[in-house]
């Protein structure tokens, strides 16, 4: 959302099972957790090894320094009580060369709290003054899953918003099986049917705009609509452009 967190953990998994046809080449799943500095909290997962971080290699980038720390560590503390139902997911790449586009990303929405001292330890160990992060890349049409659309307007139409967040929202807007409008078929030969009966006349009205449409509310005795077995009274008329 345009805000850069203080640190992130990327836990890389190699895919071992998946949909039919998806295992033809190596693929990875990355579980990401953000951290933000807190003035009152420190992180229990980081506390397990923060005092054993290996120093920055003094030679080339190919060199490596290994800590004597070998655990064991409780990795479940990395998500702890954080709801693991609330995460972003998208198809992406490795964030370091060779940047292979073979990664399914799962990034937790809620950051964990770390102390300023913990952040400083990681900054010192990583040793790169400008940070070791890659800036956000172009989406190029990719879909990011996980964030429910929050809308206050009915239009433009969005089934998920109508089901969850707009005024009057209901699951049936998305899950119903008899929804309107429909695409009416072209009719070459109309059937002969019993006529509808309309007892409309002159009526006082309230003409209003409710933010979604222009509407005529009937005041006083309403007109009626009859078919062969039902009767309906007129409440209001409203308008949609284009038609539906």
C-alpha atoms as a PDB file:
ATOM      1  CA  UNK A   1       0.000   0.000   0.000  1.00  0.00           C
ATOM      2  CA  UNK A   2       2.909   2.375  -0.622  1.00  0.00           C
ATOM      3  CA  UNK A   3       4.465   1.905   2.839  1.00  0.00           C
ATOM      4  CA  UNK A   4       7.811   0.150   3.240  1.00  0.00           C
ATOM      5  CA  UNK A   5       8.143  -1.920   6.408  1.00  0.00           C
ATOM      6  CA  UNK A   6      11.348  -2.025   8.460  1.00  0.00           C
ATOM      7  CA  UNK A   7      12.201  -5.643   7.663  1.00  0.00           C
ATOM      8  CA  UNK A   8      10.728  -8.758   6.096  1.00  0.00           C
ATOM      9  CA  UNK A   9      11.402 -12.485   6.441  1.00  0.00           C
ATOM     10  CA  UNK A  10      11.064 -14.652   3.322  1.00  0.00           C
ATOM     11  CA  UNK A  11      10.829 -18.382   4.082  1.00  0.00           C
ATOM     12  CA  UNK A  12      11.417 -20.282   0.837  1.00  0.00           C
ATOM     13  CA  UNK A  13       9.779 -23.672   0.224  1.00  0.00           C
ATOM     14  CA  UNK A  14      10.308 -25.989  -2.748  1.00  0.00           C
ATOM     15  CA  UNK A  15       7.066 -27.292  -4.202  1.00  0.00           C
ATOM     16  CA  UNK A  16       6.605 -31.037  -3.640  1.00  0.00           C
ATOM     17  CA  UNK A  17       2.990 -31.445  -4.767  1.00  0.00           C
ATOM     18  CA  UNK A  18       0.601 -29.377  -6.828  1.00  0.00           C
ATOM     19  CA  UNK A  19      -2.056 -29.373  -9.573  1.00  0.00           C
ATOM     20  CA  UNK A  20      -1.701 -31.826 -12.433  1.00  0.00           C
ATOM     21  CA  UNK A  21       0.875 -30.525 -14.885  1.00  0.00           C
ATOM     22  CA  UNK A  22       2.402 -28.024 -12.452  1.00  0.00           C
ATOM     23  CA  UNK A  23       5.404 -30.149 -11.462  1.00  0.00           C
ATOM     24  CA  UNK A  24       7.238 -30.155 -14.779  1.00  0.00           C
ATOM     25  CA  UNK A  25       9.904 -27.752 -13.476  1.00  0.00           C
ATOM     26  CA  UNK A  26      11.032 -26.622 -10.012  1.00  0.00           C
ATOM     27  CA  UNK A  27       8.699 -24.133  -8.336  1.00  0.00           C
ATOM     28  CA  UNK A  28       8.829 -22.438  -4.950  1.00  0.00           C
ATOM     29  CA  UNK A  29       6.422 -21.123  -2.350  1.00  0.00           C
ATOM     30  CA  UNK A  30       7.608 -18.156  -0.295  1.00  0.00           C
ATOM     31  CA  UNK A  31       5.956 -17.326   3.030  1.00  0.00           C
ATOM     32  CA  UNK A  32       6.608 -13.660   3.822  1.00  0.00           C
ATOM     33  CA  UNK A  33       6.258 -11.873   7.152  1.00  0.00           C
ATOM     34  CA  UNK A  34       6.784  -8.137   7.631  1.00  0.00           C
ATOM     35  CA  UNK A  35       8.312  -6.549  10.736  1.00  0.00           C
ATOM     36  CA  UNK A  36       7.875  -3.012  12.008  1.00  0.00           C
ATOM     37  CA  UNK A  37       9.772  -1.368  14.831  1.00  0.00           C
ATOM     38  CA  UNK A  38       7.911  -0.908  18.104  1.00  0.00           C
ATOM     39  CA  UNK A  39       8.947   1.179  21.088  1.00  0.00           C
ATOM     40  CA  UNK A  40       7.559  -1.420  23.491  1.00  0.00           C
ATOM     41  CA  UNK A  41       7.773  -4.865  21.865  1.00  0.00           C
ATOM     42  CA  UNK A  42      10.485  -7.243  20.702  1.00  0.00           C
ATOM     43  CA  UNK A  43       9.983 -10.310  18.545  1.00  0.00           C
ATOM     44  CA  UNK A  44      10.211 -13.766  20.124  1.00  0.00           C
ATOM     45  CA  UNK A  45      11.157 -15.503  16.877  1.00  0.00           C
ATOM     46  CA  UNK A  46      14.085 -13.172  16.202  1.00  0.00           C
ATOM     47  CA  UNK A  47      15.129 -13.360  19.855  1.00  0.00           C
ATOM     48  CA  UNK A  48      16.037 -17.028  19.358  1.00  0.00           C
ATOM     49  CA  UNK A  49      19.056 -16.156  17.186  1.00  0.00           C
ATOM     50  CA  UNK A  50      19.546 -12.375  17.107  1.00  0.00           C
ATOM     51  CA  UNK A  51      22.673 -12.586  19.276  1.00  0.00           C
ATOM     52  CA  UNK A  52      24.274 -15.193  16.995  1.00  0.00           C
ATOM     53  CA  UNK A  53      24.032 -13.410  13.635  1.00  0.00           C
ATOM     54  CA  UNK A  54      27.114 -14.058  11.463  1.00  0.00           C
ATOM     55  CA  UNK A  55      29.160 -11.014  10.478  1.00  0.00           C
ATOM     56  CA  UNK A  56      29.322  -9.622   6.959  1.00  0.00           C
ATOM     57  CA  UNK A  57      31.831 -11.508   4.762  1.00  0.00           C
ATOM     58  CA  UNK A  58      34.987  -9.474   4.257  1.00  0.00           C
ATOM     59  CA  UNK A  59      35.804 -10.875   0.804  1.00  0.00           C
ATOM     60  CA  UNK A  60      33.746 -11.235  -2.361  1.00  0.00           C
ATOM     61  CA  UNK A  61      30.009 -11.698  -2.575  1.00  0.00           C
ATOM     62  CA  UNK A  62      30.613 -15.416  -3.086  1.00  0.00           C
ATOM     63  CA  UNK A  63      32.182 -15.736   0.378  1.00  0.00           C
ATOM     64  CA  UNK A  64      30.056 -16.878   3.288  1.00  0.00           C
ATOM     65  CA  UNK A  65      30.351 -16.629   7.059  1.00  0.00           C
ATOM     66  CA  UNK A  66      28.603 -19.317   9.107  1.00  0.00           C
ATOM     67  CA  UNK A  67      27.543 -18.871  12.720  1.00  0.00           C
ATOM     68  CA  UNK A  68      28.211 -21.530  15.308  1.00  0.00           C
ATOM     69  CA  UNK A  69      24.532 -21.317  16.283  1.00  0.00           C
ATOM     70  CA  UNK A  70      22.638 -24.454  15.181  1.00  0.00           C
ATOM     71  CA  UNK A  71      19.327 -24.229  17.045  1.00  0.00           C
ATOM     72  CA  UNK A  72      16.972 -25.872  17.594  1.00  0.00           C
ATOM     73  CA  UNK A  73      14.529 -23.071  16.784  1.00  0.00           C
ATOM     74  CA  UNK A  74      10.766 -22.916  16.989  1.00  0.00           C
ATOM     75  CA  UNK A  75       9.793 -21.662  13.536  1.00  0.00           C
ATOM     76  CA  UNK A  76       6.107 -21.574  14.445  1.00  0.00           C
ATOM     77  CA  UNK A  77       6.878 -18.443  16.469  1.00  0.00           C
ATOM     78  CA  UNK A  78       7.346 -16.571  13.196  1.00  0.00           C
ATOM     79  CA  UNK A  79       3.595 -16.452  12.718  1.00  0.00           C
ATOM     80  CA  UNK A  80       2.571 -17.129  16.316  1.00  0.00           C
ATOM     81  CA  UNK A  81      -0.934 -15.795  16.949  1.00  0.00           C
ATOM     82  CA  UNK A  82      -1.038 -13.913  13.633  1.00  0.00           C
ATOM     83  CA  UNK A  83      -4.153 -15.054  11.687  1.00  0.00           C
ATOM     84  CA  UNK A  84      -2.819 -17.261   8.887  1.00  0.00           C
ATOM     85  CA  UNK A  85      -6.092 -16.750   7.026  1.00  0.00           C
ATOM     86  CA  UNK A  86      -5.204 -13.133   6.277  1.00  0.00           C
ATOM     87  CA  UNK A  87      -2.498 -12.993   3.609  1.00  0.00           C
ATOM     88  CA  UNK A  88      -1.783 -11.763   0.103  1.00  0.00           C
ATOM     89  CA  UNK A  89      -0.962 -14.256  -2.645  1.00  0.00           C
ATOM     90  CA  UNK A  90       0.317 -13.742  -6.167  1.00  0.00           C
ATOM     91  CA  UNK A  91       2.561 -15.328  -8.798  1.00  0.00           C
ATOM     92  CA  UNK A  92       6.026 -13.813  -8.917  1.00  0.00           C
ATOM     93  CA  UNK A  93       9.751 -14.349  -8.967  1.00  0.00           C
ATOM     94  CA  UNK A  94      12.845 -14.677  -6.859  1.00  0.00           C
ATOM     95  CA  UNK A  95      13.797 -11.222  -5.530  1.00  0.00           C
ATOM     96  CA  UNK A  96      17.505 -11.819  -6.219  1.00  0.00           C
ATOM     97  CA  UNK A  97      19.345 -12.894  -9.384  1.00  0.00           C
ATOM     98  CA  UNK A  98      18.541 -14.873 -11.465  1.00  0.00           C
ATOM     99  CA  UNK A  99      15.015 -13.515 -10.721  1.00  0.00           C
ATOM    100  CA  UNK A 100      13.353 -16.697 -12.015  1.00  0.00           C
ATOM    101  CA  UNK A 101       9.557 -16.344 -12.315  1.00  0.00           C
ATOM    102  CA  UNK A 102       8.817 -19.602 -10.492  1.00  0.00           C
ATOM    103  CA  UNK A 103       7.476 -18.414  -7.122  1.00  0.00           C
ATOM    104  CA  UNK A 104       4.051 -18.557  -5.492  1.00  0.00           C
ATOM    105  CA  UNK A 105       4.045 -15.753  -2.946  1.00  0.00           C
ATOM    106  CA  UNK A 106       2.098 -15.876   0.352  1.00  0.00           C
ATOM    107  CA  UNK A 107       2.652 -12.679   2.348  1.00  0.00           C
ATOM    108  CA  UNK A 108       1.034 -12.126   5.739  1.00  0.00           C
ATOM    109  CA  UNK A 109      -1.028  -8.941   5.935  1.00  0.00           C
ATOM    110  CA  UNK A 110      -0.261  -8.138   9.566  1.00  0.00           C
ATOM    111  CA  UNK A 111       3.332  -7.172  10.463  1.00  0.00           C
ATOM    112  CA  UNK A 112       5.081  -8.448  13.556  1.00  0.00           C
ATOM    113  CA  UNK A 113       6.604  -6.052  16.090  1.00  0.00           C
ATOM    114  CA  UNK A 114      10.356  -5.917  16.569  1.00  0.00           C
ATOM    115  CA  UNK A 115      12.483  -3.667  18.741  1.00  0.00           C
ATOM    116  CA  UNK A 116      14.820  -0.989  17.428  1.00  0.00           C
ATOM    117  CA  UNK A 117      17.706  -2.974  18.946  1.00  0.00           C
ATOM    118  CA  UNK A 118      16.713  -6.074  16.997  1.00  0.00           C
ATOM    119  CA  UNK A 119      16.593  -4.114  13.748  1.00  0.00           C
ATOM    120  CA  UNK A 120      20.036  -2.640  14.415  1.00  0.00           C
ATOM    121  CA  UNK A 121      21.506  -6.116  14.929  1.00  0.00           C
ATOM    122  CA  UNK A 122      20.243  -7.258  11.538  1.00  0.00           C
ATOM    123  CA  UNK A 123      21.378  -4.051   9.849  1.00  0.00           C
ATOM    124  CA  UNK A 124      24.857  -4.479  11.300  1.00  0.00           C
ATOM    125  CA  UNK A 125      25.059  -8.143  10.312  1.00  0.00           C
ATOM    126  CA  UNK A 126      23.788  -7.595   6.752  1.00  0.00           C
ATOM    127  CA  UNK A 127      26.135  -4.633   6.471  1.00  0.00           C
ATOM    128  CA  UNK A 128      24.656  -2.922   3.407  1.00  0.00           C
ATOM    129  CA  UNK A 129      24.168   0.757   4.179  1.00  0.00           C
ATOM    130  CA  UNK A 130      21.300   1.310   1.739  1.00  0.00           C
ATOM    131  CA  UNK A 131      19.450  -1.886   2.688  1.00  0.00           C
ATOM    132  CA  UNK A 132      19.309  -5.219   0.886  1.00  0.00           C
ATOM    133  CA  UNK A 133      15.903  -4.897  -0.754  1.00  0.00           C
ATOM    134  CA  UNK A 134      14.580  -4.782  -4.303  1.00  0.00           C
ATOM    135  CA  UNK A 135      12.008  -2.051  -5.051  1.00  0.00           C
ATOM    136  CA  UNK A 136       8.450  -3.062  -6.049  1.00  0.00           C
ATOM    137  CA  UNK A 137       8.168  -4.295  -9.636  1.00  0.00           C
ATOM    138  CA  UNK A 138       5.403  -3.745 -12.193  1.00  0.00           C
ATOM    139  CA  UNK A 139       2.286  -5.888 -11.810  1.00  0.00           C
ATOM    140  CA  UNK A 140       1.857  -6.285 -15.588  1.00  0.00           C
ATOM    141  CA  UNK A 141      -1.720  -7.459 -15.220  1.00  0.00           C
ATOM    142  CA  UNK A 142      -1.143  -9.921 -12.385  1.00  0.00           C
ATOM    143  CA  UNK A 143      -3.915 -10.393  -9.825  1.00  0.00           C
ATOM    144  CA  UNK A 144      -3.162 -10.045  -6.108  1.00  0.00           C
ATOM    145  CA  UNK A 145      -5.512 -12.219  -4.063  1.00  0.00           C
ATOM    146  CA  UNK A 146      -6.485 -11.752  -0.444  1.00  0.00           C
ATOM    147  CA  UNK A 147      -7.897  -8.264   0.000  1.00  0.00           C
ATOM    148  CA  UNK A 148     -11.639  -7.999  -0.100  1.00  0.00           C
ATOM    149  CA  UNK A 149     -12.879  -5.104  -2.168  1.00  0.00           C
ATOM    150  CA  UNK A 150     -14.244  -2.403   0.103  1.00  0.00           C
ATOM    151  CA  UNK A 151     -16.646  -0.206  -1.771  1.00  0.00           C
ATOM    152  CA  UNK A 152     -19.320   2.274  -0.753  1.00  0.00           C
ATOM    153  CA  UNK A 153     -20.833   2.771  -4.194  1.00  0.00           C
ATOM    154  CA  UNK A 154     -22.913   0.228  -6.072  1.00  0.00           C
ATOM    155  CA  UNK A 155     -21.356   1.129  -9.416  1.00  0.00           C
ATOM    156  CA  UNK A 156     -19.377   0.102 -11.349  1.00  0.00           C
ATOM    157  CA  UNK A 157     -20.790  -3.335 -10.585  1.00  0.00           C
ATOM    158  CA  UNK A 158     -18.572  -5.743  -8.663  1.00  0.00           C
ATOM    159  CA  UNK A 159     -20.053  -9.009  -7.385  1.00  0.00           C
ATOM    160  CA  UNK A 160     -17.684  -9.295  -4.402  1.00  0.00           C
ATOM    161  CA  UNK A 161     -18.393  -5.742  -3.255  1.00  0.00           C
ATOM    162  CA  UNK A 162     -22.139  -6.263  -3.602  1.00  0.00           C
ATOM    163  CA  UNK A 163     -21.809  -9.413  -1.485  1.00  0.00           C
ATOM    164  CA  UNK A 164     -19.617  -7.917   1.237  1.00  0.00           C
ATOM    165  CA  UNK A 165     -19.129  -4.188   1.556  1.00  0.00           C
ATOM    166  CA  UNK A 166     -21.604  -1.870  -0.175  1.00  0.00           C
ATOM    167  CA  UNK A 167     -24.742  -0.621   1.624  1.00  0.00           C
ATOM    168  CA  UNK A 168     -27.327  -3.395   1.513  1.00  0.00           C
ATOM    169  CA  UNK A 169     -24.700  -6.029   0.624  1.00  0.00           C
ATOM    170  CA  UNK A 170     -25.729  -9.679   0.691  1.00  0.00           C
ATOM    171  CA  UNK A 171     -24.045 -13.000  -0.153  1.00  0.00           C
ATOM    172  CA  UNK A 172     -26.858 -13.757  -2.569  1.00  0.00           C
ATOM    173  CA  UNK A 173     -25.595 -10.995  -4.884  1.00  0.00           C
ATOM    174  CA  UNK A 174     -22.598 -13.231  -5.584  1.00  0.00           C
ATOM    175  CA  UNK A 175     -23.869 -16.731  -4.808  1.00  0.00           C
ATOM    176  CA  UNK A 176     -27.528 -16.604  -5.874  1.00  0.00           C
ATOM    177  CA  UNK A 177     -28.868 -18.781  -8.698  1.00  0.00           C
ATOM    178  CA  UNK A 178     -31.807 -16.649  -9.864  1.00  0.00           C
ATOM    179  CA  UNK A 179     -30.220 -13.203 -10.184  1.00  0.00           C
ATOM    180  CA  UNK A 180     -31.338 -10.366 -12.482  1.00  0.00           C
ATOM    181  CA  UNK A 181     -31.040  -8.895 -15.002  1.00  0.00           C
ATOM    182  CA  UNK A 182     -30.506 -11.578 -17.642  1.00  0.00           C
ATOM    183  CA  UNK A 183     -29.608 -11.522 -21.323  1.00  0.00           C
ATOM    184  CA  UNK A 184     -33.060 -11.798 -22.900  1.00  0.00           C
ATOM    185  CA  UNK A 185     -33.130 -13.845 -26.112  1.00  0.00           C
ATOM    186  CA  UNK A 186     -34.055 -12.305 -29.438  1.00  0.00           C
ATOM    187  CA  UNK A 187     -37.643 -13.324 -30.186  1.00  0.00           C
ATOM    188  CA  UNK A 188     -38.699 -13.907 -33.777  1.00  0.00           C
ATOM    189  CA  UNK A 189     -42.225 -15.189 -33.033  1.00  0.00           C
ATOM    190  CA  UNK A 190     -43.759 -13.815 -29.798  1.00  0.00           C
ATOM    191  CA  UNK A 191     -46.079 -16.208 -27.964  1.00  0.00           C
ATOM    192  CA  UNK A 192     -49.726 -15.283 -27.478  1.00  0.00           C
ATOM    193  CA  UNK A 193     -50.131 -14.757 -23.747  1.00  0.00           C
ATOM    194  CA  UNK A 194     -52.847 -13.484 -21.375  1.00  0.00           C
ATOM    195  CA  UNK A 195     -52.553  -9.679 -21.228  1.00  0.00           C
ATOM    196  CA  UNK A 196     -51.131  -7.920 -18.199  1.00  0.00           C
ATOM    197  CA  UNK A 197     -53.529  -5.456 -16.582  1.00  0.00           C
ATOM    198  CA  UNK A 198     -52.184  -2.087 -15.396  1.00  0.00           C
ATOM    199  CA  UNK A 199     -54.388   0.237 -13.362  1.00  0.00           C
ATOM    200  CA  UNK A 200     -52.055   3.180 -13.437  1.00  0.00           C
ATOM    201  CA  UNK A 201     -53.321   6.735 -13.483  1.00  0.00           C
ATOM    202  CA  UNK A 202     -52.156  10.102 -12.224  1.00  0.00           C
ATOM    203  CA  UNK A 203     -50.240   9.885  -8.956  1.00  0.00           C
ATOM    204  CA  UNK A 204     -48.474  12.329  -6.671  1.00  0.00           C
ATOM    205  CA  UNK A 205     -44.781  11.491  -6.463  1.00  0.00           C
ATOM    206  CA  UNK A 206     -41.583  12.190  -4.600  1.00  0.00           C
ATOM    207  CA  UNK A 207     -38.799  12.636  -7.161  1.00  0.00           C
ATOM    208  CA  UNK A 208     -35.403  11.927  -5.621  1.00  0.00           C
ATOM    209  CA  UNK A 209     -31.833  10.914  -6.288  1.00  0.00           C
ATOM    210  CA  UNK A 210     -30.623   8.315  -3.774  1.00  0.00           C
ATOM    211  CA  UNK A 211     -27.009   8.335  -4.947  1.00  0.00           C
ATOM    212  CA  UNK A 212     -27.528   5.257  -7.105  1.00  0.00           C
ATOM    213  CA  UNK A 213     -30.364   6.360  -9.396  1.00  0.00           C
ATOM    214  CA  UNK A 214     -33.168   8.843 -10.021  1.00  0.00           C
ATOM    215  CA  UNK A 215     -36.373   7.507  -8.478  1.00  0.00           C
ATOM    216  CA  UNK A 216     -40.103   8.298  -8.511  1.00  0.00           C
ATOM    217  CA  UNK A 217     -41.828   7.246  -5.265  1.00  0.00           C
ATOM    218  CA  UNK A 218     -45.608   6.925  -5.420  1.00  0.00           C
ATOM    219  CA  UNK A 219     -47.593   8.979  -2.896  1.00  0.00           C
ATOM    220  CA  UNK A 220     -51.168   8.086  -2.007  1.00  0.00           C
ATOM    221  CA  UNK A 221     -53.238   5.365  -3.628  1.00  0.00           C
ATOM    222  CA  UNK A 222     -50.957   3.298  -5.879  1.00  0.00           C
ATOM    223  CA  UNK A 223     -51.651   1.864  -9.272  1.00  0.00           C
ATOM    224  CA  UNK A 224     -51.555  -1.903  -9.660  1.00  0.00           C
ATOM    225  CA  UNK A 225     -50.227  -4.658 -11.928  1.00  0.00           C
ATOM    226  CA  UNK A 226     -52.222  -7.842 -12.432  1.00  0.00           C
ATOM    227  CA  UNK A 227     -51.383 -11.056 -14.238  1.00  0.00           C
ATOM    228  CA  UNK A 228     -53.544 -14.149 -14.434  1.00  0.00           C
ATOM    229  CA  UNK A 229     -52.917 -15.172 -10.818  1.00  0.00           C
ATOM    230  CA  UNK A 230     -51.111 -12.340  -8.985  1.00  0.00           C
ATOM    231  CA  UNK A 231     -51.628  -8.720  -8.012  1.00  0.00           C
ATOM    232  CA  UNK A 232     -48.933  -6.113  -7.285  1.00  0.00           C
ATOM    233  CA  UNK A 233     -49.119  -2.475  -6.140  1.00  0.00           C
ATOM    234  CA  UNK A 234     -46.862   0.205  -7.610  1.00  0.00           C
ATOM    235  CA  UNK A 235     -44.225   1.516  -5.169  1.00  0.00           C
ATOM    236  CA  UNK A 236     -41.675   3.371  -7.317  1.00  0.00           C
ATOM    237  CA  UNK A 237     -39.986   3.654 -10.704  1.00  0.00           C
ATOM    238  CA  UNK A 238     -36.237   4.149 -11.107  1.00  0.00           C
ATOM    239  CA  UNK A 239     -33.831   4.329 -14.029  1.00  0.00           C
ATOM    240  CA  UNK A 240     -30.580   2.688 -15.183  1.00  0.00           C
ATOM    241  CA  UNK A 241     -28.291   3.756 -17.990  1.00  0.00           C
ATOM    242  CA  UNK A 242     -27.245   1.756 -19.977  1.00  0.00           C
ATOM    243  CA  UNK A 243     -30.129  -0.592 -19.822  1.00  0.00           C
ATOM    244  CA  UNK A 244     -30.108  -3.777 -17.776  1.00  0.00           C
END
